[in-house]
Amino acid sequence: MSHLDRSKRPIDPNILEKVRYSCSRTMGEKMLDGPRLFDLDCQLERIRIRAQFPTFNDEQVEQELRYRHAVARWNDEDGIYQDAGVLDSDELPVGVSD
């Protein structure tokens, strides 16, 4: 079995449990995940900002958070980072592995 042949790898039971959980949720619950995940991401980013700039007060942290969101939005609008999809192992150049 090639190390690139994912079809022969055992399936992680944790992934299966996550899929089962996701399938069991209502559409309303799934719709609320977006704002919840955004709030969680903002909390984590604030922690990163405080670690990077320990002297920042609350307003400076919020200003830096807004700036980082703006940069992400600019990058998205300019198409700087685009989803390239998933490469099939057959598409990888010779000598490149995952």
C-alpha atoms as a PDB file:
ATOM      1  CA  MET A   1       0.000   0.000   0.000  1.00  0.00           C
ATOM      2  CA  SER A   2       1.375   3.393  -0.985  1.00  0.00           C
ATOM      3  CA  HIS A   3       1.440   5.964   1.803  1.00  0.00           C
ATOM      4  CA  LEU A   4      -0.554   8.197  -0.572  1.00  0.00           C
ATOM      5  CA  ASP A   5      -3.376   5.683  -1.028  1.00  0.00           C
ATOM      6  CA  ARG A   6      -5.936   7.031   1.433  1.00  0.00           C
ATOM      7  CA  SER A   7      -8.623   4.574   0.338  1.00  0.00           C
ATOM      8  CA  LYS A   8      -6.772   1.775   2.136  1.00  0.00           C
ATOM      9  CA  ARG A   9      -6.139   3.686   5.371  1.00  0.00           C
ATOM     10  CA  PRO A  10      -8.289   2.871   8.400  1.00  0.00           C
ATOM     11  CA  ILE A  11     -10.982   5.461   9.128  1.00  0.00           C
ATOM     12  CA  ASP A  12     -10.472   7.425  12.340  1.00  0.00           C
ATOM     13  CA  PRO A  13     -13.409   6.625  14.675  1.00  0.00           C
ATOM     14  CA  ASN A  14     -13.348  10.224  15.946  1.00  0.00           C
ATOM     15  CA  ILE A  15     -14.126  11.459  12.435  1.00  0.00           C
ATOM     16  CA  LEU A  16     -17.034   9.041  12.149  1.00  0.00           C
ATOM     17  CA  GLU A  17     -18.415  10.269  15.474  1.00  0.00           C
ATOM     18  CA  LYS A  18     -18.161  13.889  14.307  1.00  0.00           C
ATOM     19  CA  VAL A  19     -19.984  13.031  11.077  1.00  0.00           C
ATOM     20  CA  ARG A  20     -22.746  11.246  13.022  1.00  0.00           C
ATOM     21  CA  TYR A  21     -23.063  14.228  15.372  1.00  0.00           C
ATOM     22  CA  SER A  22     -23.218  16.686  12.484  1.00  0.00           C
ATOM     23  CA  CYS A  23     -25.881  14.653  10.687  1.00  0.00           C
ATOM     24  CA  SER A  24     -28.010  14.518  13.842  1.00  0.00           C
ATOM     25  CA  ARG A  25     -28.193  18.308  14.200  1.00  0.00           C
ATOM     26  CA  THR A  26     -31.080  20.373  12.879  1.00  0.00           C
ATOM     27  CA  MET A  27     -30.610  22.977  10.164  1.00  0.00           C
ATOM     28  CA  GLY A  28     -31.332  25.697  12.740  1.00  0.00           C
ATOM     29  CA  GLU A  29     -28.498  24.460  14.945  1.00  0.00           C
ATOM     30  CA  LYS A  30     -26.150  24.356  11.976  1.00  0.00           C
ATOM     31  CA  MET A  31     -27.129  27.906  10.985  1.00  0.00           C
ATOM     32  CA  LEU A  32     -26.226  29.183  14.454  1.00  0.00           C
ATOM     33  CA  ASP A  33     -22.753  27.634  14.206  1.00  0.00           C
ATOM     34  CA  GLY A  34     -21.476  30.423  11.928  1.00  0.00           C
ATOM     35  CA  PRO A  35     -21.921  33.259  14.432  1.00  0.00           C
ATOM     36  CA  ARG A  36     -20.787  31.027  17.303  1.00  0.00           C
ATOM     37  CA  LEU A  37     -17.612  30.030  15.485  1.00  0.00           C
ATOM     38  CA  PHE A  38     -16.953  33.661  14.517  1.00  0.00           C
ATOM     39  CA  ASP A  39     -17.295  34.729  18.169  1.00  0.00           C
ATOM     40  CA  LEU A  40     -14.963  31.930  19.258  1.00  0.00           C
ATOM     41  CA  ASP A  41     -12.433  32.905  16.589  1.00  0.00           C
ATOM     42  CA  CYS A  42     -12.577  36.542  17.748  1.00  0.00           C
ATOM     43  CA  GLN A  43     -11.937  35.462  21.350  1.00  0.00           C
ATOM     44  CA  LEU A  44      -8.938  33.382  20.271  1.00  0.00           C
ATOM     45  CA  GLU A  45      -7.596  36.214  18.111  1.00  0.00           C
ATOM     46  CA  ARG A  46      -7.868  38.620  21.059  1.00  0.00           C
ATOM     47  CA  ILE A  47      -5.769  36.182  23.100  1.00  0.00           C
ATOM     48  CA  ARG A  48      -3.171  36.079  20.310  1.00  0.00           C
ATOM     49  CA  ILE A  49      -3.122  39.887  20.106  1.00  0.00           C
ATOM     50  CA  ARG A  50      -2.647  40.204  23.875  1.00  0.00           C
ATOM     51  CA  ALA A  51       0.204  37.698  23.710  1.00  0.00           C
ATOM     52  CA  GLN A  52       1.831  39.588  20.841  1.00  0.00           C
ATOM     53  CA  PHE A  53       1.212  43.051  22.347  1.00  0.00           C
ATOM     54  CA  PRO A  54       1.089  42.645  26.145  1.00  0.00           C
ATOM     55  CA  THR A  55       0.939  46.411  26.748  1.00  0.00           C
ATOM     56  CA  PHE A  56      -2.230  46.938  24.659  1.00  0.00           C
ATOM     57  CA  ASN A  57      -5.328  48.086  26.495  1.00  0.00           C
ATOM     58  CA  ASP A  58      -8.807  46.763  25.590  1.00  0.00           C
ATOM     59  CA  GLU A  59      -9.438  49.440  22.949  1.00  0.00           C
ATOM     60  CA  GLN A  60      -6.090  48.786  21.260  1.00  0.00           C
ATOM     61  CA  VAL A  61      -6.840  45.053  21.194  1.00  0.00           C
ATOM     62  CA  GLU A  62     -10.214  45.729  19.540  1.00  0.00           C
ATOM     63  CA  GLN A  63      -8.589  48.108  17.053  1.00  0.00           C
ATOM     64  CA  GLU A  64      -6.001  45.465  16.118  1.00  0.00           C
ATOM     65  CA  LEU A  65      -8.757  42.864  15.794  1.00  0.00           C
ATOM     66  CA  ARG A  66     -10.708  45.148  13.422  1.00  0.00           C
ATOM     67  CA  TYR A  67      -7.512  45.765  11.438  1.00  0.00           C
ATOM     68  CA  ARG A  68      -6.851  42.019  11.094  1.00  0.00           C
ATOM     69  CA  HIS A  69     -10.415  41.462   9.936  1.00  0.00           C
ATOM     70  CA  ALA A  70      -9.991  44.252   7.383  1.00  0.00           C
ATOM     71  CA  VAL A  71      -6.764  42.692   6.069  1.00  0.00           C
ATOM     72  CA  ALA A  72      -8.502  39.326   5.739  1.00  0.00           C
ATOM     73  CA  ARG A  73     -11.389  41.003   3.893  1.00  0.00           C
ATOM     74  CA  TRP A  74      -8.978  42.847   1.544  1.00  0.00           C
ATOM     75  CA  ASN A  75      -7.139  39.612   0.795  1.00  0.00           C
ATOM     76  CA  ASP A  76     -10.435  37.882   0.097  1.00  0.00           C
ATOM     77  CA  GLU A  77     -11.690  40.690  -2.148  1.00  0.00           C
ATOM     78  CA  ASP A  78      -8.410  40.846  -4.053  1.00  0.00           C
ATOM     79  CA  GLY A  79      -8.386  37.088  -4.515  1.00  0.00           C
ATOM     80  CA  ILE A  80      -4.945  36.804  -2.946  1.00  0.00           C
ATOM     81  CA  TYR A  81      -5.817  33.562  -1.183  1.00  0.00           C
ATOM     82  CA  GLN A  82      -8.095  31.249  -3.091  1.00  0.00           C
ATOM     83  CA  ASP A  83      -9.284  27.765  -2.355  1.00  0.00           C
ATOM     84  CA  ALA A  84      -7.348  25.508  -4.674  1.00  0.00           C
ATOM     85  CA  GLY A  85      -9.439  22.489  -3.808  1.00  0.00           C
ATOM     86  CA  VAL A  86      -8.049  19.119  -2.886  1.00  0.00           C
ATOM     87  CA  LEU A  87      -5.234  17.500  -4.808  1.00  0.00           C
ATOM     88  CA  ASP A  88      -5.589  13.871  -5.665  1.00  0.00           C
ATOM     89  CA  SER A  89      -2.441  11.907  -4.865  1.00  0.00           C
ATOM     90  CA  ASP A  90      -2.075  11.193  -8.590  1.00  0.00           C
ATOM     91  CA  GLU A  91      -1.750  14.947  -9.212  1.00  0.00           C
ATOM     92  CA  LEU A  92       1.253  15.437  -6.922  1.00  0.00           C
ATOM     93  CA  PRO A  93       4.609  15.999  -8.598  1.00  0.00           C
ATOM     94  CA  VAL A  94       7.045  13.099  -8.457  1.00  0.00           C
ATOM     95  CA  GLY A  95       8.890  13.035  -5.123  1.00  0.00           C
ATOM     96  CA  VAL A  96       6.249  15.045  -3.231  1.00  0.00           C
ATOM     97  CA  SER A  97       4.356  13.251  -0.496  1.00  0.00           C
ATOM     98  CA  ASP A  98       1.706  14.231   2.042  1.00  0.00           C
END
